[in-house]
Amino acid sequence: MRVTADYPPIWLAGFAGLGWLTGQVLPHGPAWQLPAGWAVVAAGLVLMGVAALTMRRHRTTLDPFGQPRNLVTSGVFALSRNPIYLGDALILAGLCLIFRAPFAALLLVPGFVAVIGTRFIAREERLLARDFPKEFAAYRLRTRRWI
C-alpha cells in the first residue's frame, strides 16, 4: 500500500465536508430527510461491506493502487463493477440528507463520481483489462459500471 492522501475515503470525507458546510450555511429540505439519510448511509455501508468481503473471499486487493490477483464478477459485482464506490456515493447522498443539504447532493454526488471515475476507476479497469483481457471484456459488456 502506498503512502498518500489520494484514496477514495479521503475524497469521500472532503465531499462530505462540503455537504456538511452547505447544511450549516444553507440548511434546507423536509423533516423526513434525516431518517431517510441514515437509511441511505446504512445501505451504502452494507453494500461496501458485502463487496469487501467478496473481494477478500476471492483473495484480491481492496487497495485501489494494488495489483489485482483475481477478477471478481459474482455477488454484488454481478450488479455493479464498482459496488464499493457505489456504496461511497450512497453514503455521500445520505450524509447530505442528514446534514440538511439535499440540493447539495445534486452537485456533490456527481462530482464525487467524476473524481472517483478519473482518479481510480480508469486505472483499475486498465489493469483488469490488461491482466484478464477476455474475462474483463465479457464482464464489462454484461455489467454496468455503477448500476
N, C-alpha and C. Protein backbone atom coordinates (compact mmCIF):
# COMPACT_ATOMS: atom_id res chain seq x y z
N MET A 1 0.85 -1.17 0.00
CA MET A 1 0.00 0.00 0.00
C MET A 1 0.89 1.24 0.00
N ARG A 2 0.62 2.16 -0.90
CA ARG A 2 1.46 3.35 -0.96
C ARG A 2 0.95 4.41 0.03
N VAL A 3 1.86 5.26 0.46
CA VAL A 3 1.52 6.30 1.42
C VAL A 3 1.12 7.56 0.65
N THR A 4 -0.17 7.89 0.73
CA THR A 4 -0.70 9.06 0.04
C THR A 4 -2.05 9.41 0.65
N ALA A 5 -2.45 10.64 0.49
CA ALA A 5 -3.79 11.04 0.91
C ALA A 5 -4.79 10.86 -0.22
N ASP A 6 -4.32 10.41 -1.39
CA ASP A 6 -5.17 10.27 -2.56
C ASP A 6 -5.84 8.89 -2.55
N TYR A 7 -6.80 8.72 -1.65
CA TYR A 7 -7.58 7.49 -1.54
C TYR A 7 -9.05 7.84 -1.53
N PRO A 8 -9.91 6.94 -2.04
CA PRO A 8 -11.34 7.23 -2.08
C PRO A 8 -11.95 7.69 -0.76
N PRO A 9 -11.61 7.10 0.39
CA PRO A 9 -12.23 7.59 1.64
C PRO A 9 -11.86 9.05 1.95
N ILE A 10 -10.68 9.48 1.55
CA ILE A 10 -10.28 10.88 1.76
C ILE A 10 -11.13 11.79 0.88
N TRP A 11 -11.34 11.39 -0.37
CA TRP A 11 -12.19 12.16 -1.27
C TRP A 11 -13.62 12.19 -0.74
N LEU A 12 -14.10 11.04 -0.24
CA LEU A 12 -15.44 10.99 0.34
C LEU A 12 -15.55 11.95 1.52
N ALA A 13 -14.56 11.95 2.38
CA ALA A 13 -14.58 12.86 3.54
C ALA A 13 -14.60 14.32 3.08
N GLY A 14 -13.83 14.64 2.06
CA GLY A 14 -13.82 16.02 1.56
C GLY A 14 -15.17 16.44 0.99
N PHE A 15 -15.77 15.57 0.19
CA PHE A 15 -17.08 15.89 -0.38
C PHE A 15 -18.14 15.93 0.73
N ALA A 16 -18.04 15.03 1.71
CA ALA A 16 -18.99 15.05 2.83
C ALA A 16 -18.82 16.34 3.63
N GLY A 17 -17.58 16.80 3.77
CA GLY A 17 -17.34 18.08 4.46
C GLY A 17 -18.01 19.24 3.74
N LEU A 18 -18.01 19.21 2.41
CA LEU A 18 -18.71 20.24 1.64
C LEU A 18 -20.22 20.15 1.86
N GLY A 19 -20.73 18.94 1.95
CA GLY A 19 -22.15 18.76 2.24
C GLY A 19 -22.50 19.28 3.62
N TRP A 20 -21.65 18.97 4.60
CA TRP A 20 -21.88 19.47 5.96
C TRP A 20 -21.85 21.00 5.98
N LEU A 21 -20.86 21.59 5.32
CA LEU A 21 -20.74 23.04 5.28
C LEU A 21 -21.98 23.68 4.64
N THR A 22 -22.45 23.08 3.57
CA THR A 22 -23.66 23.58 2.92
C THR A 22 -24.84 23.53 3.88
N GLY A 23 -24.97 22.44 4.60
CA GLY A 23 -26.06 22.31 5.57
C GLY A 23 -25.95 23.30 6.71
N GLN A 24 -24.73 23.70 7.05
CA GLN A 24 -24.54 24.69 8.11
C GLN A 24 -24.90 26.09 7.62
N VAL A 25 -24.53 26.39 6.39
CA VAL A 25 -24.73 27.73 5.84
C VAL A 25 -26.16 27.91 5.30
N LEU A 26 -26.65 26.91 4.57
CA LEU A 26 -27.97 26.99 3.93
C LEU A 26 -28.77 25.72 4.19
N PRO A 27 -29.16 25.46 5.43
CA PRO A 27 -29.94 24.23 5.68
C PRO A 27 -31.27 24.28 4.94
N HIS A 28 -31.65 23.16 4.37
CA HIS A 28 -32.90 23.09 3.61
C HIS A 28 -33.39 21.64 3.56
N GLY A 29 -34.61 21.45 3.16
CA GLY A 29 -35.17 20.12 2.98
C GLY A 29 -36.20 19.78 4.04
N PRO A 30 -37.02 18.78 3.77
CA PRO A 30 -38.09 18.39 4.68
C PRO A 30 -37.58 17.63 5.91
N ALA A 31 -38.43 17.54 6.91
CA ALA A 31 -38.05 16.91 8.18
C ALA A 31 -37.78 15.41 8.03
N TRP A 32 -38.44 14.75 7.08
CA TRP A 32 -38.26 13.30 6.93
C TRP A 32 -36.90 12.92 6.36
N GLN A 33 -36.13 13.89 5.91
CA GLN A 33 -34.87 13.53 5.26
C GLN A 33 -33.84 12.95 6.21
N LEU A 34 -33.91 13.24 7.52
CA LEU A 34 -32.93 12.70 8.46
C LEU A 34 -32.98 11.17 8.53
N PRO A 35 -34.14 10.55 8.83
CA PRO A 35 -34.15 9.08 8.83
C PRO A 35 -33.87 8.48 7.46
N ALA A 36 -34.35 9.16 6.40
CA ALA A 36 -34.05 8.67 5.05
C ALA A 36 -32.55 8.70 4.80
N GLY A 37 -31.89 9.75 5.26
CA GLY A 37 -30.44 9.86 5.11
C GLY A 37 -29.70 8.73 5.81
N TRP A 38 -30.13 8.42 7.04
CA TRP A 38 -29.50 7.32 7.76
C TRP A 38 -29.71 6.00 7.04
N ALA A 39 -30.89 5.81 6.45
CA ALA A 39 -31.17 4.57 5.72
C ALA A 39 -30.26 4.46 4.49
N VAL A 40 -30.05 5.57 3.79
CA VAL A 40 -29.18 5.56 2.61
C VAL A 40 -27.73 5.31 3.01
N VAL A 41 -27.28 5.93 4.10
CA VAL A 41 -25.92 5.68 4.60
C VAL A 41 -25.77 4.20 4.97
N ALA A 42 -26.75 3.65 5.67
CA ALA A 42 -26.69 2.24 6.06
C ALA A 42 -26.63 1.34 4.83
N ALA A 43 -27.42 1.64 3.81
CA ALA A 43 -27.39 0.85 2.57
C ALA A 43 -26.00 0.91 1.94
N GLY A 44 -25.40 2.10 1.92
CA GLY A 44 -24.05 2.24 1.37
C GLY A 44 -23.02 1.44 2.15
N LEU A 45 -23.12 1.46 3.46
CA LEU A 45 -22.18 0.71 4.30
C LEU A 45 -22.34 -0.79 4.11
N VAL A 46 -23.58 -1.25 4.03
CA VAL A 46 -23.82 -2.68 3.80
C VAL A 46 -23.26 -3.10 2.44
N LEU A 47 -23.53 -2.31 1.41
CA LEU A 47 -23.03 -2.62 0.08
C LEU A 47 -21.51 -2.69 0.08
N MET A 48 -20.86 -1.72 0.70
CA MET A 48 -19.40 -1.72 0.78
C MET A 48 -18.89 -2.94 1.53
N GLY A 49 -19.53 -3.25 2.65
CA GLY A 49 -19.10 -4.40 3.45
C GLY A 49 -19.21 -5.71 2.70
N VAL A 50 -20.34 -5.91 2.03
CA VAL A 50 -20.54 -7.14 1.25
C VAL A 50 -19.51 -7.22 0.12
N ALA A 51 -19.26 -6.10 -0.55
CA ALA A 51 -18.29 -6.09 -1.64
C ALA A 51 -16.88 -6.39 -1.11
N ALA A 52 -16.52 -5.78 0.01
CA ALA A 52 -15.19 -6.02 0.59
C ALA A 52 -15.02 -7.48 0.99
N LEU A 53 -16.04 -8.05 1.60
CA LEU A 53 -15.96 -9.47 1.98
C LEU A 53 -15.83 -10.36 0.74
N THR A 54 -16.55 -10.02 -0.31
CA THR A 54 -16.47 -10.79 -1.56
C THR A 54 -15.05 -10.71 -2.13
N MET A 55 -14.46 -9.53 -2.11
CA MET A 55 -13.09 -9.39 -2.63
C MET A 55 -12.09 -10.16 -1.76
N ARG A 56 -12.27 -10.11 -0.45
CA ARG A 56 -11.39 -10.87 0.45
C ARG A 56 -11.51 -12.36 0.20
N ARG A 57 -12.76 -12.81 0.01
CA ARG A 57 -13.01 -14.23 -0.25
C ARG A 57 -12.31 -14.68 -1.54
N HIS A 58 -12.22 -13.77 -2.51
CA HIS A 58 -11.53 -14.08 -3.77
C HIS A 58 -10.04 -13.75 -3.72
N ARG A 59 -9.57 -13.36 -2.56
CA ARG A 59 -8.15 -13.09 -2.31
C ARG A 59 -7.55 -12.08 -3.29
N THR A 60 -8.26 -10.97 -3.45
CA THR A 60 -7.73 -9.90 -4.28
C THR A 60 -7.69 -8.61 -3.47
N THR A 61 -6.99 -7.64 -3.97
CA THR A 61 -6.72 -6.43 -3.21
C THR A 61 -7.93 -5.50 -3.13
N LEU A 62 -8.04 -4.82 -2.02
CA LEU A 62 -9.01 -3.74 -1.85
C LEU A 62 -8.36 -2.39 -2.10
N ASP A 63 -7.06 -2.37 -2.18
CA ASP A 63 -6.30 -1.14 -2.39
C ASP A 63 -6.44 -0.68 -3.84
N PRO A 64 -6.96 0.54 -4.09
CA PRO A 64 -7.12 0.98 -5.47
C PRO A 64 -5.79 1.12 -6.22
N PHE A 65 -4.69 1.14 -5.50
CA PHE A 65 -3.37 1.20 -6.14
C PHE A 65 -2.68 -0.15 -6.15
N GLY A 66 -3.37 -1.17 -5.63
CA GLY A 66 -2.80 -2.51 -5.57
C GLY A 66 -2.92 -3.25 -6.88
N GLN A 67 -2.30 -4.41 -6.93
CA GLN A 67 -2.33 -5.26 -8.11
C GLN A 67 -3.43 -6.31 -7.94
N PRO A 68 -4.44 -6.31 -8.82
CA PRO A 68 -5.49 -7.32 -8.69
C PRO A 68 -4.96 -8.72 -8.96
N ARG A 69 -5.37 -9.66 -8.12
CA ARG A 69 -4.96 -11.04 -8.32
C ARG A 69 -6.04 -11.88 -8.98
N ASN A 70 -7.29 -11.42 -8.80
CA ASN A 70 -8.43 -12.13 -9.38
C ASN A 70 -9.46 -11.12 -9.85
N LEU A 71 -10.22 -11.50 -10.85
CA LEU A 71 -11.34 -10.68 -11.32
C LEU A 71 -12.59 -11.19 -10.62
N VAL A 72 -13.22 -10.33 -9.83
CA VAL A 72 -14.41 -10.70 -9.08
C VAL A 72 -15.63 -10.26 -9.87
N THR A 73 -16.50 -11.21 -10.21
CA THR A 73 -17.69 -10.91 -11.01
C THR A 73 -18.97 -11.44 -10.38
N SER A 74 -18.86 -12.02 -9.20
CA SER A 74 -20.03 -12.63 -8.57
C SER A 74 -20.56 -11.76 -7.44
N GLY A 75 -21.69 -12.15 -6.90
CA GLY A 75 -22.29 -11.41 -5.79
C GLY A 75 -22.68 -10.01 -6.24
N VAL A 76 -22.37 -9.01 -5.40
CA VAL A 76 -22.73 -7.63 -5.75
C VAL A 76 -21.96 -7.15 -6.98
N PHE A 77 -20.87 -7.79 -7.31
CA PHE A 77 -20.11 -7.43 -8.51
C PHE A 77 -20.82 -7.86 -9.79
N ALA A 78 -21.85 -8.68 -9.68
CA ALA A 78 -22.67 -9.02 -10.84
C ALA A 78 -23.67 -7.90 -11.14
N LEU A 79 -23.91 -7.02 -10.16
CA LEU A 79 -24.84 -5.90 -10.33
C LEU A 79 -24.13 -4.61 -10.69
N SER A 80 -22.90 -4.45 -10.22
CA SER A 80 -22.13 -3.22 -10.44
C SER A 80 -20.65 -3.59 -10.49
N ARG A 81 -19.92 -3.00 -11.44
CA ARG A 81 -18.47 -3.25 -11.48
C ARG A 81 -17.76 -2.56 -10.34
N ASN A 82 -18.42 -1.59 -9.69
CA ASN A 82 -17.79 -0.81 -8.63
C ASN A 82 -18.70 -0.66 -7.42
N PRO A 83 -19.08 -1.77 -6.78
CA PRO A 83 -20.03 -1.64 -5.67
C PRO A 83 -19.47 -0.88 -4.46
N ILE A 84 -18.18 -0.90 -4.25
CA ILE A 84 -17.63 -0.13 -3.12
C ILE A 84 -17.75 1.36 -3.40
N TYR A 85 -17.42 1.79 -4.60
CA TYR A 85 -17.58 3.20 -4.95
C TYR A 85 -19.05 3.61 -5.00
N LEU A 86 -19.90 2.70 -5.43
CA LEU A 86 -21.34 2.95 -5.40
C LEU A 86 -21.78 3.14 -3.95
N GLY A 87 -21.26 2.32 -3.05
CA GLY A 87 -21.55 2.49 -1.62
C GLY A 87 -21.07 3.83 -1.11
N ASP A 88 -19.90 4.26 -1.54
CA ASP A 88 -19.39 5.59 -1.18
C ASP A 88 -20.37 6.68 -1.63
N ALA A 89 -20.85 6.57 -2.87
CA ALA A 89 -21.78 7.58 -3.40
C ALA A 89 -23.09 7.59 -2.61
N LEU A 90 -23.56 6.40 -2.23
CA LEU A 90 -24.76 6.33 -1.39
C LEU A 90 -24.53 6.99 -0.04
N ILE A 91 -23.38 6.73 0.55
CA ILE A 91 -23.05 7.35 1.84
C ILE A 91 -23.05 8.86 1.71
N LEU A 92 -22.43 9.37 0.67
CA LEU A 92 -22.39 10.82 0.45
C LEU A 92 -23.80 11.38 0.30
N ALA A 93 -24.63 10.73 -0.49
CA ALA A 93 -26.01 11.19 -0.67
C ALA A 93 -26.76 11.18 0.65
N GLY A 94 -26.59 10.11 1.41
CA GLY A 94 -27.25 10.02 2.71
C GLY A 94 -26.77 11.08 3.68
N LEU A 95 -25.48 11.33 3.69
CA LEU A 95 -24.94 12.37 4.57
C LEU A 95 -25.49 13.75 4.20
N CYS A 96 -25.63 14.00 2.93
CA CYS A 96 -26.21 15.29 2.51
C CYS A 96 -27.63 15.44 3.05
N LEU A 97 -28.38 14.35 3.08
CA LEU A 97 -29.72 14.41 3.67
C LEU A 97 -29.62 14.67 5.17
N ILE A 98 -28.73 13.96 5.84
CA ILE A 98 -28.55 14.12 7.28
C ILE A 98 -28.11 15.54 7.62
N PHE A 99 -27.25 16.11 6.79
CA PHE A 99 -26.74 17.47 7.02
C PHE A 99 -27.72 18.55 6.59
N ARG A 100 -28.92 18.14 6.15
CA ARG A 100 -29.95 19.07 5.67
C ARG A 100 -29.46 19.87 4.46
N ALA A 101 -28.82 19.15 3.54
CA ALA A 101 -28.31 19.75 2.30
C ALA A 101 -28.62 18.87 1.10
N PRO A 102 -29.90 18.49 0.90
CA PRO A 102 -30.21 17.57 -0.20
C PRO A 102 -29.91 18.14 -1.58
N PHE A 103 -30.07 19.45 -1.76
CA PHE A 103 -29.77 20.02 -3.07
C PHE A 103 -28.27 20.02 -3.35
N ALA A 104 -27.47 20.08 -2.30
CA ALA A 104 -26.02 19.99 -2.48
C ALA A 104 -25.64 18.61 -3.04
N ALA A 105 -26.41 17.59 -2.66
CA ALA A 105 -26.14 16.24 -3.16
C ALA A 105 -26.24 16.18 -4.68
N LEU A 106 -27.10 17.03 -5.25
CA LEU A 106 -27.27 17.04 -6.70
C LEU A 106 -25.99 17.46 -7.42
N LEU A 107 -25.13 18.20 -6.74
CA LEU A 107 -23.83 18.58 -7.30
C LEU A 107 -22.70 17.70 -6.76
N LEU A 108 -22.76 17.43 -5.46
CA LEU A 108 -21.65 16.72 -4.82
C LEU A 108 -21.54 15.26 -5.25
N VAL A 109 -22.66 14.57 -5.34
CA VAL A 109 -22.58 13.15 -5.72
C VAL A 109 -22.04 12.98 -7.14
N PRO A 110 -22.56 13.70 -8.14
CA PRO A 110 -21.95 13.57 -9.47
C PRO A 110 -20.48 14.02 -9.50
N GLY A 111 -20.15 15.04 -8.72
CA GLY A 111 -18.75 15.47 -8.64
C GLY A 111 -17.86 14.39 -8.07
N PHE A 112 -18.32 13.75 -7.00
CA PHE A 112 -17.58 12.66 -6.38
C PHE A 112 -17.42 11.50 -7.37
N VAL A 113 -18.49 11.14 -8.05
CA VAL A 113 -18.46 10.05 -9.03
C VAL A 113 -17.45 10.37 -10.14
N ALA A 114 -17.41 11.62 -10.58
CA ALA A 114 -16.47 12.02 -11.63
C ALA A 114 -15.02 11.90 -11.13
N VAL A 115 -14.76 12.36 -9.92
CA VAL A 115 -13.41 12.27 -9.37
C VAL A 115 -12.98 10.80 -9.23
N ILE A 116 -13.85 9.99 -8.66
CA ILE A 116 -13.53 8.57 -8.46
C ILE A 116 -13.31 7.89 -9.82
N GLY A 117 -14.15 8.25 -10.78
CA GLY A 117 -14.01 7.66 -12.12
C GLY A 117 -12.68 7.97 -12.77
N THR A 118 -12.23 9.20 -12.65
CA THR A 118 -10.97 9.58 -13.31
C THR A 118 -9.75 9.20 -12.48
N ARG A 119 -9.83 9.34 -11.17
CA ARG A 119 -8.65 9.10 -10.32
C ARG A 119 -8.43 7.62 -10.01
N PHE A 120 -9.50 6.82 -10.00
CA PHE A 120 -9.35 5.43 -9.54
C PHE A 120 -9.89 4.40 -10.52
N ILE A 121 -11.14 4.55 -10.94
CA ILE A 121 -11.77 3.51 -11.76
C ILE A 121 -11.04 3.35 -13.10
N ALA A 122 -10.66 4.42 -13.73
CA ALA A 122 -9.98 4.31 -15.04
C ALA A 122 -8.72 3.45 -14.92
N ARG A 123 -7.91 3.69 -13.90
CA ARG A 123 -6.68 2.92 -13.70
C ARG A 123 -7.01 1.46 -13.37
N GLU A 124 -7.96 1.26 -12.47
CA GLU A 124 -8.32 -0.10 -12.07
C GLU A 124 -8.80 -0.90 -13.27
N GLU A 125 -9.62 -0.28 -14.12
CA GLU A 125 -10.14 -1.01 -15.27
C GLU A 125 -9.06 -1.27 -16.31
N ARG A 126 -8.09 -0.37 -16.43
CA ARG A 126 -6.96 -0.65 -17.33
C ARG A 126 -6.19 -1.88 -16.86
N LEU A 127 -5.94 -1.97 -15.55
CA LEU A 127 -5.23 -3.13 -15.01
C LEU A 127 -6.03 -4.41 -15.22
N LEU A 128 -7.32 -4.36 -14.97
CA LEU A 128 -8.15 -5.56 -15.15
C LEU A 128 -8.18 -5.98 -16.62
N ALA A 129 -8.28 -5.02 -17.52
CA ALA A 129 -8.28 -5.34 -18.95
C ALA A 129 -6.94 -5.94 -19.38
N ARG A 130 -5.86 -5.46 -18.78
CA ARG A 130 -4.53 -5.99 -19.12
C ARG A 130 -4.34 -7.39 -18.54
N ASP A 131 -4.73 -7.58 -17.28
CA ASP A 131 -4.46 -8.84 -16.59
C ASP A 131 -5.47 -9.95 -16.89
N PHE A 132 -6.70 -9.56 -17.23
CA PHE A 132 -7.77 -10.52 -17.51
C PHE A 132 -8.49 -10.11 -18.79
N PRO A 133 -7.79 -10.09 -19.93
CA PRO A 133 -8.35 -9.47 -21.13
C PRO A 133 -9.70 -10.04 -21.58
N LYS A 134 -9.81 -11.34 -21.73
CA LYS A 134 -11.07 -11.92 -22.20
C LYS A 134 -12.16 -11.83 -21.14
N GLU A 135 -11.80 -12.18 -19.91
CA GLU A 135 -12.78 -12.19 -18.83
C GLU A 135 -13.32 -10.79 -18.54
N PHE A 136 -12.43 -9.79 -18.52
CA PHE A 136 -12.88 -8.43 -18.22
C PHE A 136 -13.71 -7.87 -19.37
N ALA A 137 -13.34 -8.17 -20.59
CA ALA A 137 -14.12 -7.69 -21.74
C ALA A 137 -15.55 -8.22 -21.66
N ALA A 138 -15.70 -9.49 -21.33
CA ALA A 138 -17.05 -10.07 -21.21
C ALA A 138 -17.80 -9.48 -20.02
N TYR A 139 -17.10 -9.33 -18.91
CA TYR A 139 -17.70 -8.76 -17.70
C TYR A 139 -18.17 -7.33 -17.97
N ARG A 140 -17.33 -6.57 -18.63
CA ARG A 140 -17.65 -5.17 -18.93
C ARG A 140 -18.91 -5.05 -19.80
N LEU A 141 -19.10 -6.00 -20.70
CA LEU A 141 -20.28 -5.98 -21.57
C LEU A 141 -21.57 -6.31 -20.82
N ARG A 142 -21.47 -7.17 -19.82
CA ARG A 142 -22.70 -7.61 -19.14
C ARG A 142 -22.99 -6.87 -17.84
N THR A 143 -22.01 -6.11 -17.31
CA THR A 143 -22.20 -5.45 -16.01
C THR A 143 -21.87 -3.97 -16.13
N ARG A 144 -22.81 -3.14 -15.74
CA ARG A 144 -22.61 -1.69 -15.81
C ARG A 144 -21.61 -1.23 -14.75
N ARG A 145 -21.01 -0.09 -14.99
CA ARG A 145 -20.02 0.45 -14.07
C ARG A 145 -20.64 0.77 -12.70
N TRP A 146 -21.78 1.42 -12.70
CA TRP A 146 -22.39 1.82 -11.43
C TRP A 146 -23.59 0.95 -11.07
N ILE A 147 -24.67 1.06 -11.79
CA ILE A 147 -25.84 0.19 -11.55
C ILE A 147 -26.58 -0.03 -12.85
